C-alpha atoms as a PDB file:
ATOM      1  CA  MET A   1      10.833  37.429 -19.961  1.00  0.00           C
ATOM      2  CA  GLY A   2      10.664  33.965 -18.430  1.00  0.00           C
ATOM      3  CA  GLU A   3       9.787  30.573 -19.771  1.00  0.00           C
ATOM      4  CA  TRP A   4       6.530  29.679 -21.406  1.00  0.00           C
ATOM      5  CA  LYS A   5       4.631  27.207 -19.291  1.00  0.00           C
ATOM      6  CA  ALA A   6       1.984  24.763 -20.439  1.00  0.00           C
ATOM      7  CA  PRO A   7      -1.011  23.924 -18.256  1.00  0.00           C
ATOM      8  CA  LEU A   8      -1.268  20.410 -16.859  1.00  0.00           C
ATOM      9  CA  SER A   9      -4.330  18.830 -15.324  1.00  0.00           C
ATOM     10  CA  LEU A  10      -4.111  15.872 -12.939  1.00  0.00           C
ATOM     11  CA  ARG A  11      -6.693  13.820 -11.106  1.00  0.00           C
ATOM     12  CA  VAL A  12      -5.659  12.886  -7.579  1.00  0.00           C
ATOM     13  CA  ARG A  13      -7.378  11.575  -4.454  1.00  0.00           C
ATOM     14  CA  ARG A  14      -9.012  14.271  -2.331  1.00  0.00           C
ATOM     15  CA  ASP A  15      -6.837  13.513   0.687  1.00  0.00           C
ATOM     16  CA  LEU A  16      -3.686  13.876  -1.435  1.00  0.00           C
ATOM     17  CA  ARG A  17      -4.860  17.232  -2.784  1.00  0.00           C
ATOM     18  CA  THR A  18      -5.709  18.417   0.733  1.00  0.00           C
ATOM     19  CA  GLY A  19      -2.273  17.347   1.997  1.00  0.00           C
ATOM     20  CA  LEU A  20      -0.535  19.094  -0.884  1.00  0.00           C
ATOM     21  CA  GLU A  21      -2.537  22.286  -0.326  1.00  0.00           C
ATOM     22  CA  GLU A  22      -1.666  22.272   3.382  1.00  0.00           C
ATOM     23  CA  PHE A  23       2.009  21.686   2.684  1.00  0.00           C
ATOM     24  CA  ALA A  24       2.069  24.398   0.017  1.00  0.00           C
ATOM     25  CA  ALA A  25       0.525  26.868   2.470  1.00  0.00           C
ATOM     26  CA  ARG A  26       3.099  26.016   5.167  1.00  0.00           C
ATOM     27  CA  ASP A  27       5.873  26.432   2.600  1.00  0.00           C
ATOM     28  CA  LYS A  28       4.352  29.737   1.400  1.00  0.00           C
ATOM     29  CA  ARG A  29       3.822  28.403  -2.124  1.00  0.00           C
ATOM     30  CA  THR A  30       0.833  28.027  -4.392  1.00  0.00           C
ATOM     31  CA  LEU A  31      -0.427  24.533  -5.124  1.00  0.00           C
ATOM     32  CA  GLY A  32       0.628  24.983  -8.753  1.00  0.00           C
ATOM     33  CA  ASN A  33       4.132  26.049  -7.776  1.00  0.00           C
ATOM     34  CA  LEU A  34       4.545  23.139  -5.359  1.00  0.00           C
ATOM     35  CA  GLY A  35       3.280  20.756  -8.046  1.00  0.00           C
ATOM     36  CA  GLU A  36       5.800  22.121 -10.535  1.00  0.00           C
ATOM     37  CA  VAL A  37       8.695  21.758  -8.081  1.00  0.00           C
ATOM     38  CA  LEU A  38       7.681  18.193  -7.216  1.00  0.00           C
ATOM     39  CA  LEU A  39       7.153  17.180 -10.847  1.00  0.00           C
ATOM     40  CA  GLU A  40      10.505  18.577 -11.981  1.00  0.00           C
ATOM     41  CA  TRP A  41      12.350  16.855  -9.115  1.00  0.00           C
ATOM     42  CA  SER A  42      10.540  13.545  -9.505  1.00  0.00           C
ATOM     43  CA  PHE A  43      11.051  13.529 -13.263  1.00  0.00           C
ATOM     44  CA  GLN A  44      14.816  13.934 -12.752  1.00  0.00           C
ATOM     45  CA  GLN A  45      14.701  11.004 -10.310  1.00  0.00           C
ATOM     46  CA  LEU A  46      12.778   8.942 -12.860  1.00  0.00           C
ATOM     47  CA  LEU A  47      15.296   9.718 -15.594  1.00  0.00           C
ATOM     48  CA  ALA A  48      18.149   8.668 -13.297  1.00  0.00           C
ATOM     49  CA  ALA A  49      16.368   5.441 -12.295  1.00  0.00           C
ATOM     50  CA  GLY A  50      15.421   4.561 -15.876  1.00  0.00           C
ATOM     51  CA  SER A  51      11.925   3.235 -15.122  1.00  0.00           C
ATOM     52  CA  THR A  52       9.086   3.705 -12.668  1.00  0.00           C
ATOM     53  CA  GLU A  53       9.630   0.147 -11.446  1.00  0.00           C
ATOM     54  CA  ARG A  54      13.265   0.834 -10.502  1.00  0.00           C
ATOM     55  CA  LEU A  55      12.362   4.238  -9.064  1.00  0.00           C
ATOM     56  CA  LEU A  56       9.683   2.818  -6.780  1.00  0.00           C
ATOM     57  CA  LYS A  57      11.947   0.041  -5.468  1.00  0.00           C
ATOM     58  CA  HIS A  58      14.074   2.552  -3.555  1.00  0.00           C
ATOM     59  CA  LYS A  59      12.894   3.409  -0.059  1.00  0.00           C
ATOM     60  CA  ILE A  60      12.972   6.949   1.224  1.00  0.00           C
ATOM     61  CA  ARG A  61      14.072   7.177   4.845  1.00  0.00           C
ATOM     62  CA  SER A  62      12.135   9.511   7.079  1.00  0.00           C
ATOM     63  CA  ARG A  63      13.905  12.409   8.779  1.00  0.00           C
ATOM     64  CA  VAL A  64      12.879  11.108  12.202  1.00  0.00           C
ATOM     65  CA  HIS A  65      14.547   7.756  11.526  1.00  0.00           C
ATOM     66  CA  ASN A  66      17.730   9.396  10.221  1.00  0.00           C
ATOM     67  CA  SER A  67      18.037  11.855  13.096  1.00  0.00           C
ATOM     68  CA  ALA A  68      17.539   9.050  15.636  1.00  0.00           C
ATOM     69  CA  ARG A  69      20.252   7.037  13.915  1.00  0.00           C
ATOM     70  CA  ARG A  70      22.667  10.010  14.023  1.00  0.00           C
ATOM     71  CA  THR A  71      21.969  10.556  17.715  1.00  0.00           C
ATOM     72  CA  ASP A  72      22.580   6.866  18.495  1.00  0.00           C
ATOM     73  CA  SER A  73      25.831   6.707  16.541  1.00  0.00           C
ATOM     74  CA  SER A  74      27.189   9.975  17.961  1.00  0.00           C
ATOM     75  CA  SER A  75      26.392   8.930  21.535  1.00  0.00           C
ATOM     76  CA  ARG A  76      28.219   5.638  20.955  1.00  0.00           C
ATOM     77  CA  ARG A  77      31.302   7.514  19.755  1.00  0.00           C
ATOM     78  CA  HIS A  78      31.318   9.795  22.780  1.00  0.00           C
ATOM     79  CA  SER A  79      30.625   7.103  25.388  1.00  0.00           C
ATOM     80  CA  VAL A  80      33.965   5.310  24.874  1.00  0.00           C
END
């Protein structure tokens, strides 16, 4: 019959909440569901890193930057 879930209350900046609500709507999720997905994923990342300090040291590359890099490298390979 599913897992029991416990309520969790967080205080966040208004602009963060608005951004999360907009993203959840685009992804066809509720804010609570999106929050649960993000918390579960981020907690796994925290466990792997061992501390918030080590976790926050790692940069996350944007998709735009990565796709531009792939395009540059593939065009170099084909221009030989």
